[in-house]
């Protein structure tokens, strides 16, 4: 949905903590309404980017079923911070629920964090 138009994955490093480097498209149409003179990445887009990256890593389509600790920490301007890093962990429980936690940041500045659960579609 947003992958390849709103943002692109530049590099994936899998490990105990997965690190995914992305680049935002600061010219995307979303910013015409959010906001033309000072673009801001909408929170819903940050949540969607996290889900889409998790789908790439898990190799399955996912549906968010629960978020127990979602935080929007700083305003994310795509002109000031077009290159970002998602750091997250995920695991699949015996009941088929995928649990994930992660943070979106640029350097030491954090923009978004989440602890969420997904079902496989």
C-alpha atoms as a PDB file:
ATOM      1  CA  UNK A   1       0.000   0.000   0.000  1.00  0.00           C
ATOM      2  CA  UNK A   2       2.715   2.538   0.983  1.00  0.00           C
ATOM      3  CA  UNK A   3       5.801   0.482   0.148  1.00  0.00           C
ATOM      4  CA  UNK A   4       7.531   1.670  -3.041  1.00  0.00           C
ATOM      5  CA  UNK A   5       5.508   4.897  -3.308  1.00  0.00           C
ATOM      6  CA  UNK A   6       5.467   6.554   0.135  1.00  0.00           C
ATOM      7  CA  UNK A   7       8.661   4.846   1.306  1.00  0.00           C
ATOM      8  CA  UNK A   8      11.296   2.422   0.077  1.00  0.00           C
ATOM      9  CA  UNK A   9      13.323  -0.185   1.914  1.00  0.00           C
ATOM     10  CA  UNK A  10      17.030   0.482   1.428  1.00  0.00           C
ATOM     11  CA  UNK A  11      18.506  -2.300   3.547  1.00  0.00           C
ATOM     12  CA  UNK A  12      17.407  -5.100   5.876  1.00  0.00           C
ATOM     13  CA  UNK A  13      19.671  -6.532   8.556  1.00  0.00           C
ATOM     14  CA  UNK A  14      18.080  -9.531  10.261  1.00  0.00           C
ATOM     15  CA  UNK A  15      19.168 -10.532  13.724  1.00  0.00           C
ATOM     16  CA  UNK A  16      17.942 -10.682  17.292  1.00  0.00           C
ATOM     17  CA  UNK A  17      16.890  -7.096  16.651  1.00  0.00           C
ATOM     18  CA  UNK A  18      15.964  -6.500  13.017  1.00  0.00           C
ATOM     19  CA  UNK A  19      17.185  -3.230  11.513  1.00  0.00           C
ATOM     20  CA  UNK A  20      15.460  -1.895   8.413  1.00  0.00           C
ATOM     21  CA  UNK A  21      16.708   1.271   6.765  1.00  0.00           C
ATOM     22  CA  UNK A  22      14.099   3.152   4.751  1.00  0.00           C
ATOM     23  CA  UNK A  23      13.794   6.338   2.711  1.00  0.00           C
ATOM     24  CA  UNK A  24      10.655   8.459   2.622  1.00  0.00           C
ATOM     25  CA  UNK A  25       9.360  10.064  -0.563  1.00  0.00           C
ATOM     26  CA  UNK A  26       8.998  13.717   0.535  1.00  0.00           C
ATOM     27  CA  UNK A  27       7.111  14.493  -2.712  1.00  0.00           C
ATOM     28  CA  UNK A  28       4.282  12.010  -2.077  1.00  0.00           C
ATOM     29  CA  UNK A  29       0.722  13.340  -2.527  1.00  0.00           C
ATOM     30  CA  UNK A  30      -0.094  12.636   1.142  1.00  0.00           C
ATOM     31  CA  UNK A  31       1.881  15.736   2.099  1.00  0.00           C
ATOM     32  CA  UNK A  32      -0.335  17.991  -0.012  1.00  0.00           C
ATOM     33  CA  UNK A  33      -2.968  17.583   2.683  1.00  0.00           C
ATOM     34  CA  UNK A  34      -0.693  16.893   5.629  1.00  0.00           C
ATOM     35  CA  UNK A  35       0.652  19.723   5.390  1.00  0.00           C
ATOM     36  CA  UNK A  36       1.811  21.572   2.239  1.00  0.00           C
ATOM     37  CA  UNK A  37       3.993  24.207   3.941  1.00  0.00           C
ATOM     38  CA  UNK A  38       5.418  21.894   6.614  1.00  0.00           C
ATOM     39  CA  UNK A  39       4.927  18.231   5.732  1.00  0.00           C
ATOM     40  CA  UNK A  40       4.356  15.788   8.573  1.00  0.00           C
ATOM     41  CA  UNK A  41       4.292  11.991   8.288  1.00  0.00           C
ATOM     42  CA  UNK A  42       0.826  11.020   9.573  1.00  0.00           C
ATOM     43  CA  UNK A  43       0.782   8.618  12.508  1.00  0.00           C
ATOM     44  CA  UNK A  44      -1.384   6.177  10.569  1.00  0.00           C
ATOM     45  CA  UNK A  45       1.319   6.032   7.892  1.00  0.00           C
ATOM     46  CA  UNK A  46       3.976   5.226  10.499  1.00  0.00           C
ATOM     47  CA  UNK A  47       1.816   2.355  11.767  1.00  0.00           C
ATOM     48  CA  UNK A  48       1.233   1.123   8.204  1.00  0.00           C
ATOM     49  CA  UNK A  49       4.950   1.286   7.348  1.00  0.00           C
ATOM     50  CA  UNK A  50       5.744  -0.837  10.407  1.00  0.00           C
ATOM     51  CA  UNK A  51       3.128  -3.412   9.346  1.00  0.00           C
ATOM     52  CA  UNK A  52       4.311  -3.537   5.721  1.00  0.00           C
ATOM     53  CA  UNK A  53       7.948  -4.019   6.730  1.00  0.00           C
ATOM     54  CA  UNK A  54       6.911  -6.743   9.160  1.00  0.00           C
ATOM     55  CA  UNK A  55       5.016  -8.443   6.311  1.00  0.00           C
ATOM     56  CA  UNK A  56       8.188  -8.434   4.205  1.00  0.00           C
ATOM     57  CA  UNK A  57      10.198 -10.021   7.019  1.00  0.00           C
ATOM     58  CA  UNK A  58       7.511 -12.526   8.037  1.00  0.00           C
ATOM     59  CA  UNK A  59       6.676 -13.413   4.429  1.00  0.00           C
ATOM     60  CA  UNK A  60       2.933 -13.160   5.111  1.00  0.00           C
ATOM     61  CA  UNK A  61       0.114 -10.652   4.904  1.00  0.00           C
ATOM     62  CA  UNK A  62      -0.809  -9.498   8.407  1.00  0.00           C
ATOM     63  CA  UNK A  63      -3.713  -7.816  10.155  1.00  0.00           C
ATOM     64  CA  UNK A  64      -3.210  -5.688  13.252  1.00  0.00           C
ATOM     65  CA  UNK A  65      -5.366  -7.013  16.078  1.00  0.00           C
ATOM     66  CA  UNK A  66      -3.986  -5.249  19.146  1.00  0.00           C
ATOM     67  CA  UNK A  67      -1.575  -2.506  20.071  1.00  0.00           C
ATOM     68  CA  UNK A  68      -0.768  -2.251  23.754  1.00  0.00           C
ATOM     69  CA  UNK A  69       1.723   0.609  23.741  1.00  0.00           C
ATOM     70  CA  UNK A  70       1.736   2.847  20.657  1.00  0.00           C
ATOM     71  CA  UNK A  71       3.553   6.164  21.037  1.00  0.00           C
ATOM     72  CA  UNK A  72       4.159   9.044  18.658  1.00  0.00           C
ATOM     73  CA  UNK A  73       7.199  10.678  20.251  1.00  0.00           C
ATOM     74  CA  UNK A  74       8.334  13.418  17.840  1.00  0.00           C
ATOM     75  CA  UNK A  75       6.944  15.138  14.762  1.00  0.00           C
ATOM     76  CA  UNK A  76       8.415  13.534  11.649  1.00  0.00           C
ATOM     77  CA  UNK A  77       9.095  15.959   8.789  1.00  0.00           C
ATOM     78  CA  UNK A  78      10.119  14.030   5.625  1.00  0.00           C
ATOM     79  CA  UNK A  79      12.165  16.984   4.363  1.00  0.00           C
ATOM     80  CA  UNK A  80      14.289  17.040   7.520  1.00  0.00           C
ATOM     81  CA  UNK A  81      14.478  13.261   8.035  1.00  0.00           C
ATOM     82  CA  UNK A  82      13.954  11.388   4.761  1.00  0.00           C
ATOM     83  CA  UNK A  83      16.227   8.501   5.849  1.00  0.00           C
ATOM     84  CA  UNK A  84      15.034   6.497   8.821  1.00  0.00           C
ATOM     85  CA  UNK A  85      15.639   3.254  10.657  1.00  0.00           C
ATOM     86  CA  UNK A  86      13.080   0.819  12.051  1.00  0.00           C
ATOM     87  CA  UNK A  87      14.455  -1.400  14.804  1.00  0.00           C
ATOM     88  CA  UNK A  88      12.177  -4.186  15.940  1.00  0.00           C
ATOM     89  CA  UNK A  89      11.725  -7.689  17.235  1.00  0.00           C
ATOM     90  CA  UNK A  90       8.984 -10.133  16.406  1.00  0.00           C
ATOM     91  CA  UNK A  91       8.000 -13.710  17.186  1.00  0.00           C
ATOM     92  CA  UNK A  92       5.120 -16.024  16.398  1.00  0.00           C
ATOM     93  CA  UNK A  93       3.285 -17.590  19.323  1.00  0.00           C
ATOM     94  CA  UNK A  94       1.845 -21.127  19.344  1.00  0.00           C
ATOM     95  CA  UNK A  95      -1.636 -19.706  18.686  1.00  0.00           C
ATOM     96  CA  UNK A  96      -0.444 -18.198  15.388  1.00  0.00           C
ATOM     97  CA  UNK A  97      -0.398 -14.640  16.717  1.00  0.00           C
ATOM     98  CA  UNK A  98       2.652 -12.652  15.660  1.00  0.00           C
ATOM     99  CA  UNK A  99       3.882 -10.260  18.354  1.00  0.00           C
ATOM    100  CA  UNK A 100       6.111  -7.332  17.408  1.00  0.00           C
ATOM    101  CA  UNK A 101       7.712  -4.335  19.047  1.00  0.00           C
ATOM    102  CA  UNK A 102       9.738  -1.603  17.446  1.00  0.00           C
ATOM    103  CA  UNK A 103      10.913   1.961  17.107  1.00  0.00           C
ATOM    104  CA  UNK A 104      11.203   4.327  14.158  1.00  0.00           C
ATOM    105  CA  UNK A 105      14.093   6.756  14.453  1.00  0.00           C
ATOM    106  CA  UNK A 106      16.716   8.905  12.756  1.00  0.00           C
ATOM    107  CA  UNK A 107      19.981   8.853  14.678  1.00  0.00           C
ATOM    108  CA  UNK A 108      19.034   9.256  18.335  1.00  0.00           C
ATOM    109  CA  UNK A 109      15.686  10.955  17.599  1.00  0.00           C
ATOM    110  CA  UNK A 110      12.730   8.615  18.090  1.00  0.00           C
ATOM    111  CA  UNK A 111       9.490   9.247  16.229  1.00  0.00           C
ATOM    112  CA  UNK A 112       7.283   6.200  16.844  1.00  0.00           C
ATOM    113  CA  UNK A 113       7.253   3.072  18.969  1.00  0.00           C
ATOM    114  CA  UNK A 114       4.840   0.178  19.245  1.00  0.00           C
ATOM    115  CA  UNK A 115       4.142  -3.177  20.871  1.00  0.00           C
ATOM    116  CA  UNK A 116       1.532  -4.921  18.767  1.00  0.00           C
ATOM    117  CA  UNK A 117      -0.039  -8.219  17.802  1.00  0.00           C
ATOM    118  CA  UNK A 118      -1.038  -9.427  14.333  1.00  0.00           C
ATOM    119  CA  UNK A 119      -2.849 -12.355  12.787  1.00  0.00           C
ATOM    120  CA  UNK A 120      -1.728 -13.925   9.530  1.00  0.00           C
ATOM    121  CA  UNK A 121      -4.263 -13.329   6.744  1.00  0.00           C
END
